[in-house]
Amino acid sequence: MLKIGFVNACLPQLSLEEQLDWAAANGFGSIELHAGPGTLKVDLQKIVSNPDEAARVRQLFDSRNLVISDIFWGGQHLHGNTEKRQASQDRLKAMIAGASALGVKIVSTFIGRDPSLPVPENIELAKKVWPELLDFAAEHSVKIAIENCPMLYEWPGGLNIAYSPENWAILFETLDPRGEIMGLNFDPSHMLWLGIDYKAALRQFAGRVMLFQAKDTEVLPAKLAEVGLLGEGWWRYRLPGLGQVEWGKLIDMLNELELAEKVGTISIEHEDPVWEGSVEKVERGLNFSRAYLEQFLI
């Protein structure tokens, strides 16, 4: 049966041990270990260089019957600033090496984007940058799952070109046509507000889905009518069960497409503004979504 887990970045106030104690006590089965600045709870370099440290971290999870679904951080691997680009790639390599040392099979990240360039030119940039990263992952027996958030924090194009089925098809065919290393960390929340049919996308790219993130989206029609598609504030991320994603159908599709065993876990990514602000509220929100998603597990 699928496990329910969560991205641990939503509880930065807690130590790793406290996060794992709470997760185990509240019926979660996995953790998506966030590797971003300020949220990483382990020392990746120490894990790689010291087998005892790697064993200690693994024991923290094993003793609580929890698994690490993947190590996750978005990154800016194609950024126009070469220093930011290199630092991002170095961090991804550290994630890959750390995952290998921990026996974790997947890391999740973004393709990246130079926001000053259109998509075709970013594809050409990815062709120069990504082969080395994919080779590094292959050398460490780790796969890379690309998360599909557009990251619209830098206008006009955001920081990740892997936001649509059209772009996924081009990127996979360009960078890893045989599907040996690269796949998807499938998150329907972004597709909903982008107007993409997330159910059709899941069916089309079932062979590439490696991970499955659970985040919901709520569209606010009155605000949308006021500001239009290019405006702000007309949608917001919600916890699964509080937005408009059809989770029952999606989980049913995971079984129909024989993906449940492959992905192993449904990982809640908590970015709901209603249930942020304190550890207690975040934990209540996570428990709500765990219970909501569990009703669809068969």
C-alpha atoms as a PDB file:
ATOM      1  CA  MET A   1       0.000   0.000   0.000  1.00  0.00           C
ATOM      2  CA  LEU A   2       1.118   3.559  -0.674  1.00  0.00           C
ATOM      3  CA  LYS A   3       2.708   5.360   2.242  1.00  0.00           C
ATOM      4  CA  ILE A   4       1.700   8.905   3.156  1.00  0.00           C
ATOM      5  CA  GLY A   5       4.614  11.229   3.861  1.00  0.00           C
ATOM      6  CA  PHE A   6       5.482  14.910   3.777  1.00  0.00           C
ATOM      7  CA  VAL A   7       8.210  17.335   2.781  1.00  0.00           C
ATOM      8  CA  ASN A   8       9.922  18.196   6.056  1.00  0.00           C
ATOM      9  CA  ALA A   9      10.645  21.823   5.053  1.00  0.00           C
ATOM     10  CA  CYS A  10       7.329  22.859   6.611  1.00  0.00           C
ATOM     11  CA  LEU A  11       8.670  22.212  10.146  1.00  0.00           C
ATOM     12  CA  PRO A  12      12.007  24.063  10.190  1.00  0.00           C
ATOM     13  CA  GLN A  13      11.642  24.863  13.896  1.00  0.00           C
ATOM     14  CA  LEU A  14      12.013  21.178  14.818  1.00  0.00           C
ATOM     15  CA  SER A  15      15.170  19.094  14.786  1.00  0.00           C
ATOM     16  CA  LEU A  16      15.260  16.084  12.495  1.00  0.00           C
ATOM     17  CA  GLU A  17      14.717  13.773  15.443  1.00  0.00           C
ATOM     18  CA  GLU A  18      11.676  15.800  16.542  1.00  0.00           C
ATOM     19  CA  GLN A  19      10.260  15.765  13.008  1.00  0.00           C
ATOM     20  CA  LEU A  20      10.691  12.006  12.766  1.00  0.00           C
ATOM     21  CA  ASP A  21       9.224  11.360  16.217  1.00  0.00           C
ATOM     22  CA  TRP A  22       6.135  13.372  15.305  1.00  0.00           C
ATOM     23  CA  ALA A  23       5.798  11.729  11.882  1.00  0.00           C
ATOM     24  CA  ALA A  24       5.996   8.218  13.334  1.00  0.00           C
ATOM     25  CA  ALA A  25       3.578   9.013  16.149  1.00  0.00           C
ATOM     26  CA  ASN A  26       1.008  10.407  13.722  1.00  0.00           C
ATOM     27  CA  GLY A  27       0.856   7.623  11.173  1.00  0.00           C
ATOM     28  CA  PHE A  28       3.183   8.866   8.442  1.00  0.00           C
ATOM     29  CA  GLY A  29       5.396   6.420   6.610  1.00  0.00           C
ATOM     30  CA  SER A  30       7.932   8.531   4.754  1.00  0.00           C
ATOM     31  CA  ILE A  31       9.791  11.815   4.646  1.00  0.00           C
ATOM     32  CA  GLU A  32      10.794  13.865   1.616  1.00  0.00           C
ATOM     33  CA  LEU A  33      14.034  15.291   2.956  1.00  0.00           C
ATOM     34  CA  HIS A  34      14.372  18.933   1.933  1.00  0.00           C
ATOM     35  CA  ALA A  35      17.899  20.100   1.127  1.00  0.00           C
ATOM     36  CA  GLY A  36      17.333  23.819   0.773  1.00  0.00           C
ATOM     37  CA  PRO A  37      19.289  26.472   2.673  1.00  0.00           C
ATOM     38  CA  GLY A  38      17.814  26.790   6.146  1.00  0.00           C
ATOM     39  CA  THR A  39      15.804  23.561   5.982  1.00  0.00           C
ATOM     40  CA  LEU A  40      18.424  20.821   5.563  1.00  0.00           C
ATOM     41  CA  LYS A  41      18.607  18.817   8.779  1.00  0.00           C
ATOM     42  CA  VAL A  42      21.603  16.628   7.918  1.00  0.00           C
ATOM     43  CA  ASP A  43      25.214  17.309   6.929  1.00  0.00           C
ATOM     44  CA  LEU A  44      25.507  15.915   3.405  1.00  0.00           C
ATOM     45  CA  GLN A  45      29.278  16.264   3.248  1.00  0.00           C
ATOM     46  CA  LYS A  46      29.705  14.451   6.553  1.00  0.00           C
ATOM     47  CA  ILE A  47      27.334  11.703   5.405  1.00  0.00           C
ATOM     48  CA  VAL A  48      29.398  11.201   2.250  1.00  0.00           C
ATOM     49  CA  SER A  49      32.786  11.277   3.971  1.00  0.00           C
ATOM     50  CA  ASN A  50      31.891   9.323   7.104  1.00  0.00           C
ATOM     51  CA  PRO A  51      30.095   5.948   6.857  1.00  0.00           C
ATOM     52  CA  ASP A  52      29.289   6.101  10.567  1.00  0.00           C
ATOM     53  CA  GLU A  53      27.335   9.338  10.059  1.00  0.00           C
ATOM     54  CA  ALA A  54      25.435   7.845   7.154  1.00  0.00           C
ATOM     55  CA  ALA A  55      24.591   4.812   9.296  1.00  0.00           C
ATOM     56  CA  ARG A  56      23.489   7.065  12.162  1.00  0.00           C
ATOM     57  CA  VAL A  57      21.072   8.996   9.938  1.00  0.00           C
ATOM     58  CA  ARG A  58      19.678   5.828   8.385  1.00  0.00           C
ATOM     59  CA  GLN A  59      19.097   4.449  11.878  1.00  0.00           C
ATOM     60  CA  LEU A  60      17.090   7.539  12.824  1.00  0.00           C
ATOM     61  CA  PHE A  61      14.608   6.633  10.100  1.00  0.00           C
ATOM     62  CA  ASP A  62      14.761   2.846  10.414  1.00  0.00           C
ATOM     63  CA  SER A  63      14.128   2.916  14.157  1.00  0.00           C
ATOM     64  CA  ARG A  64      10.879   4.797  13.551  1.00  0.00           C
ATOM     65  CA  ASN A  65       9.813   2.658  10.581  1.00  0.00           C
ATOM     66  CA  LEU A  66      10.148   5.646   8.246  1.00  0.00           C
ATOM     67  CA  VAL A  67      11.732   5.814   4.801  1.00  0.00           C
ATOM     68  CA  ILE A  68      13.341   8.698   2.932  1.00  0.00           C
ATOM     69  CA  SER A  69      11.366   8.914  -0.299  1.00  0.00           C
ATOM     70  CA  ASP A  70      13.926  11.281  -1.846  1.00  0.00           C
ATOM     71  CA  ILE A  71      16.121  14.298  -1.204  1.00  0.00           C
ATOM     72  CA  PHE A  72      14.463  17.410  -2.632  1.00  0.00           C
ATOM     73  CA  TRP A  73      15.552  20.938  -3.513  1.00  0.00           C
ATOM     74  CA  GLY A  74      14.621  23.038  -6.545  1.00  0.00           C
ATOM     75  CA  GLY A  75      17.795  24.868  -7.487  1.00  0.00           C
ATOM     76  CA  GLN A  76      18.692  27.310 -10.258  1.00  0.00           C
ATOM     77  CA  HIS A  77      20.784  25.082 -12.506  1.00  0.00           C
ATOM     78  CA  LEU A  78      20.415  27.219 -15.662  1.00  0.00           C
ATOM     79  CA  HIS A  79      20.406  30.660 -14.036  1.00  0.00           C
ATOM     80  CA  GLY A  80      21.807  33.543 -16.075  1.00  0.00           C
ATOM     81  CA  ASN A  81      24.172  34.417 -13.239  1.00  0.00           C
ATOM     82  CA  THR A  82      27.037  31.947 -13.677  1.00  0.00           C
ATOM     83  CA  GLU A  83      27.967  31.971  -9.984  1.00  0.00           C
ATOM     84  CA  LYS A  84      24.390  31.131  -8.947  1.00  0.00           C
ATOM     85  CA  ARG A  85      24.260  28.479 -11.649  1.00  0.00           C
ATOM     86  CA  GLN A  86      27.467  26.799 -10.485  1.00  0.00           C
ATOM     87  CA  ALA A  87      26.530  26.951  -6.806  1.00  0.00           C
ATOM     88  CA  SER A  88      23.184  25.357  -7.618  1.00  0.00           C
ATOM     89  CA  GLN A  89      24.768  22.545  -9.593  1.00  0.00           C
ATOM     90  CA  ASP A  90      27.292  21.918  -6.819  1.00  0.00           C
ATOM     91  CA  ARG A  91      24.462  21.624  -4.297  1.00  0.00           C
ATOM     92  CA  LEU A  92      22.651  19.152  -6.544  1.00  0.00           C
ATOM     93  CA  LYS A  93      25.809  17.044  -6.771  1.00  0.00           C
ATOM     94  CA  ALA A  94      26.064  17.098  -2.977  1.00  0.00           C
ATOM     95  CA  MET A  95      22.439  15.896  -2.797  1.00  0.00           C
ATOM     96  CA  ILE A  96      23.187  13.080  -5.222  1.00  0.00           C
ATOM     97  CA  ALA A  97      26.295  11.962  -3.337  1.00  0.00           C
ATOM     98  CA  GLY A  98      24.449  12.195  -0.023  1.00  0.00           C
ATOM     99  CA  ALA A  99      21.507  10.212  -1.344  1.00  0.00           C
ATOM    100  CA  SER A 100      23.850   7.498  -2.586  1.00  0.00           C
ATOM    101  CA  ALA A 101      25.565   7.280   0.796  1.00  0.00           C
ATOM    102  CA  LEU A 102      22.177   6.969   2.515  1.00  0.00           C
ATOM    103  CA  GLY A 103      20.866   4.361   0.083  1.00  0.00           C
ATOM    104  CA  VAL A 104      18.236   6.784  -1.256  1.00  0.00           C
ATOM    105  CA  LYS A 105      17.523   6.110  -4.916  1.00  0.00           C
ATOM    106  CA  ILE A 106      16.093   9.477  -6.050  1.00  0.00           C
ATOM    107  CA  VAL A 107      16.787  13.176  -5.738  1.00  0.00           C
ATOM    108  CA  SER A 108      14.243  15.743  -6.890  1.00  0.00           C
ATOM    109  CA  THR A 109      15.003  19.163  -8.347  1.00  0.00           C
ATOM    110  CA  PHE A 110      14.150  21.596 -11.169  1.00  0.00           C
ATOM    111  CA  ILE A 111      15.621  21.692 -14.656  1.00  0.00           C
ATOM    112  CA  GLY A 112      16.153  25.418 -14.122  1.00  0.00           C
ATOM    113  CA  ARG A 113      15.857  28.424 -16.401  1.00  0.00           C
ATOM    114  CA  ASP A 114      17.630  31.587 -17.447  1.00  0.00           C
ATOM    115  CA  PRO A 115      14.603  33.889 -17.133  1.00  0.00           C
ATOM    116  CA  SER A 116      16.015  36.306 -19.705  1.00  0.00           C
ATOM    117  CA  LEU A 117      15.831  33.633 -22.430  1.00  0.00           C
ATOM    118  CA  PRO A 118      12.870  31.961 -24.177  1.00  0.00           C
ATOM    119  CA  VAL A 119      12.251  28.249 -23.737  1.00  0.00           C
ATOM    120  CA  PRO A 120      14.046  27.077 -26.935  1.00  0.00           C
ATOM    121  CA  GLU A 121      17.253  28.826 -25.880  1.00  0.00           C
ATOM    122  CA  ASN A 122      16.946  27.353 -22.403  1.00  0.00           C
ATOM    123  CA  ILE A 123      16.635  23.911 -23.992  1.00  0.00           C
ATOM    124  CA  GLU A 124      19.934  24.537 -25.744  1.00  0.00           C
ATOM    125  CA  LEU A 125      21.448  25.659 -22.432  1.00  0.00           C
ATOM    126  CA  ALA A 126      20.138  22.509 -20.735  1.00  0.00           C
ATOM    127  CA  LYS A 127      21.817  20.407 -23.421  1.00  0.00           C
ATOM    128  CA  LYS A 128      25.139  21.927 -22.336  1.00  0.00           C
ATOM    129  CA  VAL A 129      24.595  21.796 -18.568  1.00  0.00           C
ATOM    130  CA  TRP A 130      22.610  18.659 -17.811  1.00  0.00           C
ATOM    131  CA  PRO A 131      24.636  15.796 -19.355  1.00  0.00           C
ATOM    132  CA  GLU A 132      27.339  16.201 -16.701  1.00  0.00           C
ATOM    133  CA  LEU A 133      24.717  16.190 -13.929  1.00  0.00           C
ATOM    134  CA  LEU A 134      23.032  13.104 -15.337  1.00  0.00           C
ATOM    135  CA  ASP A 135      26.385  11.330 -15.653  1.00  0.00           C
ATOM    136  CA  PHE A 136      27.167  12.217 -12.032  1.00  0.00           C
ATOM    137  CA  ALA A 137      23.811  10.778 -10.929  1.00  0.00           C
ATOM    138  CA  ALA A 138      24.378   7.603 -12.954  1.00  0.00           C
ATOM    139  CA  GLU A 139      27.825   7.139 -11.394  1.00  0.00           C
ATOM    140  CA  HIS A 140      26.159   7.230  -7.967  1.00  0.00           C
ATOM    141  CA  SER A 141      23.208   4.970  -8.969  1.00  0.00           C
ATOM    142  CA  VAL A 142      20.753   7.790  -8.241  1.00  0.00           C
ATOM    143  CA  LYS A 143      17.867   8.937 -10.447  1.00  0.00           C
ATOM    144  CA  ILE A 144      16.700  12.544 -10.834  1.00  0.00           C
ATOM    145  CA  ALA A 145      12.998  13.426 -10.633  1.00  0.00           C
ATOM    146  CA  ILE A 146      12.166  16.846 -12.074  1.00  0.00           C
ATOM    147  CA  GLU A 147       9.493  18.785 -10.190  1.00  0.00           C
ATOM    148  CA  ASN A 148       7.076  20.755 -12.370  1.00  0.00           C
ATOM    149  CA  CYS A 149       6.694  24.083 -10.545  1.00  0.00           C
ATOM    150  CA  PRO A 150       7.343  27.044 -12.907  1.00  0.00           C
ATOM    151  CA  MET A 151       8.878  29.074 -10.063  1.00  0.00           C
ATOM    152  CA  LEU A 152       7.550  32.439 -11.233  1.00  0.00           C
ATOM    153  CA  TYR A 153       9.762  34.444  -8.918  1.00  0.00           C
ATOM    154  CA  GLU A 154      11.783  36.062 -11.691  1.00  0.00           C
ATOM    155  CA  TRP A 155       9.902  37.693 -14.552  1.00  0.00           C
ATOM    156  CA  PRO A 156       9.237  36.997 -17.355  1.00  0.00           C
ATOM    157  CA  GLY A 157       9.836  33.281 -17.355  1.00  0.00           C
ATOM    158  CA  GLY A 158      10.371  31.940 -13.862  1.00  0.00           C
ATOM    159  CA  LEU A 159      13.191  29.622 -12.893  1.00  0.00           C
ATOM    160  CA  ASN A 160      12.053  26.246 -14.232  1.00  0.00           C
ATOM    161  CA  ILE A 161      11.123  25.373 -17.812  1.00  0.00           C
ATOM    162  CA  ALA A 162       9.845  21.896 -16.872  1.00  0.00           C
ATOM    163  CA  TYR A 163       6.322  23.096 -16.085  1.00  0.00           C
ATOM    164  CA  SER A 164       4.281  21.631 -18.989  1.00  0.00           C
ATOM    165  CA  PRO A 165       3.790  18.335 -20.820  1.00  0.00           C
ATOM    166  CA  GLU A 166       5.064  19.959 -24.012  1.00  0.00           C
ATOM    167  CA  ASN A 167       8.335  20.931 -22.339  1.00  0.00           C
ATOM    168  CA  TRP A 168       8.658  17.595 -20.527  1.00  0.00           C
ATOM    169  CA  ALA A 169       8.485  15.747 -23.824  1.00  0.00           C
ATOM    170  CA  ILE A 170      11.212  17.927 -25.357  1.00  0.00           C
ATOM    171  CA  LEU A 171      13.462  17.748 -22.300  1.00  0.00           C
ATOM    172  CA  PHE A 172      13.182  13.988 -21.848  1.00  0.00           C
ATOM    173  CA  GLU A 173      13.805  13.302 -25.525  1.00  0.00           C
ATOM    174  CA  THR A 174      16.720  15.743 -25.534  1.00  0.00           C
ATOM    175  CA  LEU A 175      18.423  14.796 -22.276  1.00  0.00           C
ATOM    176  CA  ASP A 176      17.488  11.198 -21.476  1.00  0.00           C
ATOM    177  CA  PRO A 177      15.594   9.587 -24.362  1.00  0.00           C
ATOM    178  CA  ARG A 178      15.816   6.072 -22.912  1.00  0.00           C
ATOM    179  CA  GLY A 179      14.454   7.139 -19.528  1.00  0.00           C
ATOM    180  CA  GLU A 180      17.367   5.704 -17.587  1.00  0.00           C
ATOM    181  CA  ILE A 181      18.061   8.557 -15.189  1.00  0.00           C
ATOM    182  CA  MET A 182      15.498  11.369 -15.476  1.00  0.00           C
ATOM    183  CA  GLY A 183      11.799  11.397 -14.666  1.00  0.00           C
ATOM    184  CA  LEU A 184       9.067  13.407 -12.957  1.00  0.00           C
ATOM    185  CA  ASN A 185       8.203  14.386  -9.423  1.00  0.00           C
ATOM    186  CA  PHE A 186       4.538  14.828 -10.349  1.00  0.00           C
ATOM    187  CA  ASP A 187       2.769  17.700  -8.569  1.00  0.00           C
ATOM    188  CA  PRO A 188      -0.776  18.429  -9.853  1.00  0.00           C
ATOM    189  CA  SER A 189      -1.141  21.703  -7.941  1.00  0.00           C
ATOM    190  CA  HIS A 190       0.894  23.677 -10.474  1.00  0.00           C
ATOM    191  CA  MET A 191      -0.914  22.181 -13.432  1.00  0.00           C
ATOM    192  CA  LEU A 192      -4.307  23.141 -12.047  1.00  0.00           C
ATOM    193  CA  TRP A 193      -3.703  26.888 -12.020  1.00  0.00           C
ATOM    194  CA  LEU A 194      -1.737  26.707 -15.290  1.00  0.00           C
ATOM    195  CA  GLY A 195      -4.789  25.212 -17.008  1.00  0.00           C
ATOM    196  CA  ILE A 196      -3.116  21.862 -17.754  1.00  0.00           C
ATOM    197  CA  ASP A 197      -5.150  18.657 -17.577  1.00  0.00           C
ATOM    198  CA  TYR A 198      -3.212  16.916 -14.802  1.00  0.00           C
ATOM    199  CA  LYS A 199      -5.046  13.610 -15.252  1.00  0.00           C
ATOM    200  CA  ALA A 200      -4.196  13.467 -18.949  1.00  0.00           C
ATOM    201  CA  ALA A 201      -0.612  14.456 -18.116  1.00  0.00           C
ATOM    202  CA  LEU A 202      -0.310  11.648 -15.573  1.00  0.00           C
ATOM    203  CA  ARG A 203      -1.557   9.127 -18.099  1.00  0.00           C
ATOM    204  CA  GLN A 204       0.704  10.461 -20.887  1.00  0.00           C
ATOM    205  CA  PHE A 205       3.871  10.497 -18.763  1.00  0.00           C
ATOM    206  CA  ALA A 206       3.177   7.501 -16.533  1.00  0.00           C
ATOM    207  CA  GLY A 207       6.437   5.928 -17.643  1.00  0.00           C
ATOM    208  CA  ARG A 208       8.393   8.921 -16.357  1.00  0.00           C
ATOM    209  CA  VAL A 209       6.706   9.379 -12.975  1.00  0.00           C
ATOM    210  CA  MET A 210       9.156   8.591 -10.169  1.00  0.00           C
ATOM    211  CA  LEU A 211       7.662  10.548  -7.270  1.00  0.00           C
ATOM    212  CA  PHE A 212       4.241  11.959  -6.433  1.00  0.00           C
ATOM    213  CA  GLN A 213       3.832  15.172  -4.444  1.00  0.00           C
ATOM    214  CA  ALA A 214       0.498  16.087  -2.909  1.00  0.00           C
ATOM    215  CA  LYS A 215      -0.218  19.796  -2.913  1.00  0.00           C
ATOM    216  CA  ASP A 216      -3.583  21.332  -3.775  1.00  0.00           C
ATOM    217  CA  THR A 217      -4.604  24.612  -5.408  1.00  0.00           C
ATOM    218  CA  GLU A 218      -7.616  26.862  -4.881  1.00  0.00           C
ATOM    219  CA  VAL A 219      -8.617  29.227  -7.680  1.00  0.00           C
ATOM    220  CA  LEU A 220     -10.387  32.407  -6.489  1.00  0.00           C
ATOM    221  CA  PRO A 221     -12.796  33.324  -9.328  1.00  0.00           C
ATOM    222  CA  ALA A 222     -13.698  36.804  -8.055  1.00  0.00           C
ATOM    223  CA  LYS A 223     -10.046  37.820  -7.837  1.00  0.00           C
ATOM    224  CA  LEU A 224      -9.301  36.259 -11.231  1.00  0.00           C
ATOM    225  CA  ALA A 225     -12.102  38.310 -12.797  1.00  0.00           C
ATOM    226  CA  GLU A 226     -10.581  41.428 -11.268  1.00  0.00           C
ATOM    227  CA  VAL A 227      -6.876  40.963 -12.136  1.00  0.00           C
ATOM    228  CA  GLY A 228      -6.848  38.488 -15.053  1.00  0.00           C
ATOM    229  CA  LEU A 229      -4.439  35.633 -15.707  1.00  0.00           C
ATOM    230  CA  LEU A 230      -1.391  37.893 -15.549  1.00  0.00           C
ATOM    231  CA  GLY A 231      -2.417  39.369 -12.202  1.00  0.00           C
ATOM    232  CA  GLU A 232      -1.570  38.124  -8.747  1.00  0.00           C
ATOM    233  CA  GLY A 233      -3.550  36.600  -5.903  1.00  0.00           C
ATOM    234  CA  TRP A 234      -6.163  34.736  -7.975  1.00  0.00           C
ATOM    235  CA  TRP A 235      -4.967  31.316  -6.843  1.00  0.00           C
ATOM    236  CA  ARG A 236      -3.247  29.912  -3.760  1.00  0.00           C
ATOM    237  CA  TYR A 237      -1.756  26.606  -2.736  1.00  0.00           C
ATOM    238  CA  ARG A 238      -3.772  24.539  -0.264  1.00  0.00           C
ATOM    239  CA  LEU A 239      -3.372  21.305   1.622  1.00  0.00           C
ATOM    240  CA  PRO A 240      -4.730  18.232  -0.167  1.00  0.00           C
ATOM    241  CA  GLY A 241      -8.481  18.154   0.405  1.00  0.00           C
ATOM    242  CA  LEU A 242      -8.863  21.931   0.692  1.00  0.00           C
ATOM    243  CA  GLY A 243      -8.477  22.828  -2.980  1.00  0.00           C
ATOM    244  CA  GLN A 244      -9.766  21.598  -6.316  1.00  0.00           C
ATOM    245  CA  VAL A 245      -7.496  18.684  -7.264  1.00  0.00           C
ATOM    246  CA  GLU A 246      -9.382  15.379  -7.634  1.00  0.00           C
ATOM    247  CA  TRP A 247      -7.244  13.281  -5.317  1.00  0.00           C
ATOM    248  CA  GLY A 248      -9.488  10.229  -5.341  1.00  0.00           C
ATOM    249  CA  LYS A 249      -9.253   9.986  -9.109  1.00  0.00           C
ATOM    250  CA  LEU A 250      -5.504  10.608  -9.160  1.00  0.00           C
ATOM    251  CA  ILE A 251      -4.793   7.929  -6.563  1.00  0.00           C
ATOM    252  CA  ASP A 252      -7.071   5.550  -8.449  1.00  0.00           C
ATOM    253  CA  MET A 253      -5.029   6.323 -11.571  1.00  0.00           C
ATOM    254  CA  LEU A 254      -1.790   5.506  -9.728  1.00  0.00           C
ATOM    255  CA  ASN A 255      -3.212   2.024  -9.176  1.00  0.00           C
ATOM    256  CA  GLU A 256      -4.677   1.727 -12.674  1.00  0.00           C
ATOM    257  CA  LEU A 257      -1.380   2.740 -14.299  1.00  0.00           C
ATOM    258  CA  GLU A 258       0.573   0.443 -11.936  1.00  0.00           C
ATOM    259  CA  LEU A 259       2.473   3.378 -10.480  1.00  0.00           C
ATOM    260  CA  ALA A 260       1.612   2.905  -6.807  1.00  0.00           C
ATOM    261  CA  GLU A 261       4.445   0.478  -6.112  1.00  0.00           C
ATOM    262  CA  LYS A 262       6.881   2.490  -8.218  1.00  0.00           C
ATOM    263  CA  VAL A 263       6.326   5.832  -6.451  1.00  0.00           C
ATOM    264  CA  GLY A 264       5.836   4.143  -3.085  1.00  0.00           C
ATOM    265  CA  THR A 265       4.657   7.238  -1.265  1.00  0.00           C
ATOM    266  CA  ILE A 266       2.387  10.247  -1.586  1.00  0.00           C
ATOM    267  CA  SER A 267       4.361  13.162  -0.194  1.00  0.00           C
ATOM    268  CA  ILE A 268       2.389  16.124   1.172  1.00  0.00           C
ATOM    269  CA  GLU A 269       4.056  19.443   0.366  1.00  0.00           C
ATOM    270  CA  HIS A 270       2.610  21.940   2.829  1.00  0.00           C
ATOM    271  CA  GLU A 271       2.490  25.486   1.432  1.00  0.00           C
ATOM    272  CA  ASP A 272      -1.030  26.330   2.602  1.00  0.00           C
ATOM    273  CA  PRO A 273      -1.145  29.928   3.954  1.00  0.00           C
ATOM    274  CA  VAL A 274      -4.197  29.131   6.081  1.00  0.00           C
ATOM    275  CA  TRP A 275      -2.349  26.419   8.017  1.00  0.00           C
ATOM    276  CA  GLU A 276       1.023  28.102   8.496  1.00  0.00           C
ATOM    277  CA  GLY A 277       2.320  30.315  11.283  1.00  0.00           C
ATOM    278  CA  SER A 278       3.009  27.844  14.080  1.00  0.00           C
ATOM    279  CA  VAL A 279       4.193  24.289  14.553  1.00  0.00           C
ATOM    280  CA  GLU A 280       0.772  23.340  15.908  1.00  0.00           C
ATOM    281  CA  LYS A 281      -1.081  24.663  12.850  1.00  0.00           C
ATOM    282  CA  VAL A 282       1.306  22.974  10.429  1.00  0.00           C
ATOM    283  CA  GLU A 283       0.974  19.671  12.249  1.00  0.00           C
ATOM    284  CA  ARG A 284      -2.821  19.949  12.318  1.00  0.00           C
ATOM    285  CA  GLY A 285      -2.813  20.636   8.598  1.00  0.00           C
ATOM    286  CA  LEU A 286      -0.555  17.682   7.837  1.00  0.00           C
ATOM    287  CA  ASN A 287      -2.736  15.370   9.902  1.00  0.00           C
ATOM    288  CA  PHE A 288      -5.869  16.593   8.139  1.00  0.00           C
ATOM    289  CA  SER A 289      -4.400  15.850   4.713  1.00  0.00           C
ATOM    290  CA  ARG A 290      -3.017  12.477   5.800  1.00  0.00           C
ATOM    291  CA  ALA A 291      -6.467  11.404   6.960  1.00  0.00           C
ATOM    292  CA  TYR A 292      -8.077  12.858   3.833  1.00  0.00           C
ATOM    293  CA  LEU A 293      -5.735  11.019   1.448  1.00  0.00           C
ATOM    294  CA  GLU A 294      -5.901   7.739   3.358  1.00  0.00           C
ATOM    295  CA  GLN A 295      -9.583   7.331   2.481  1.00  0.00           C
ATOM    296  CA  PHE A 296      -8.549   6.726  -1.149  1.00  0.00           C
ATOM    297  CA  LEU A 297      -5.928   4.054  -0.390  1.00  0.00           C
ATOM    298  CA  ILE A 298      -7.042   0.551  -1.224  1.00  0.00           C
END
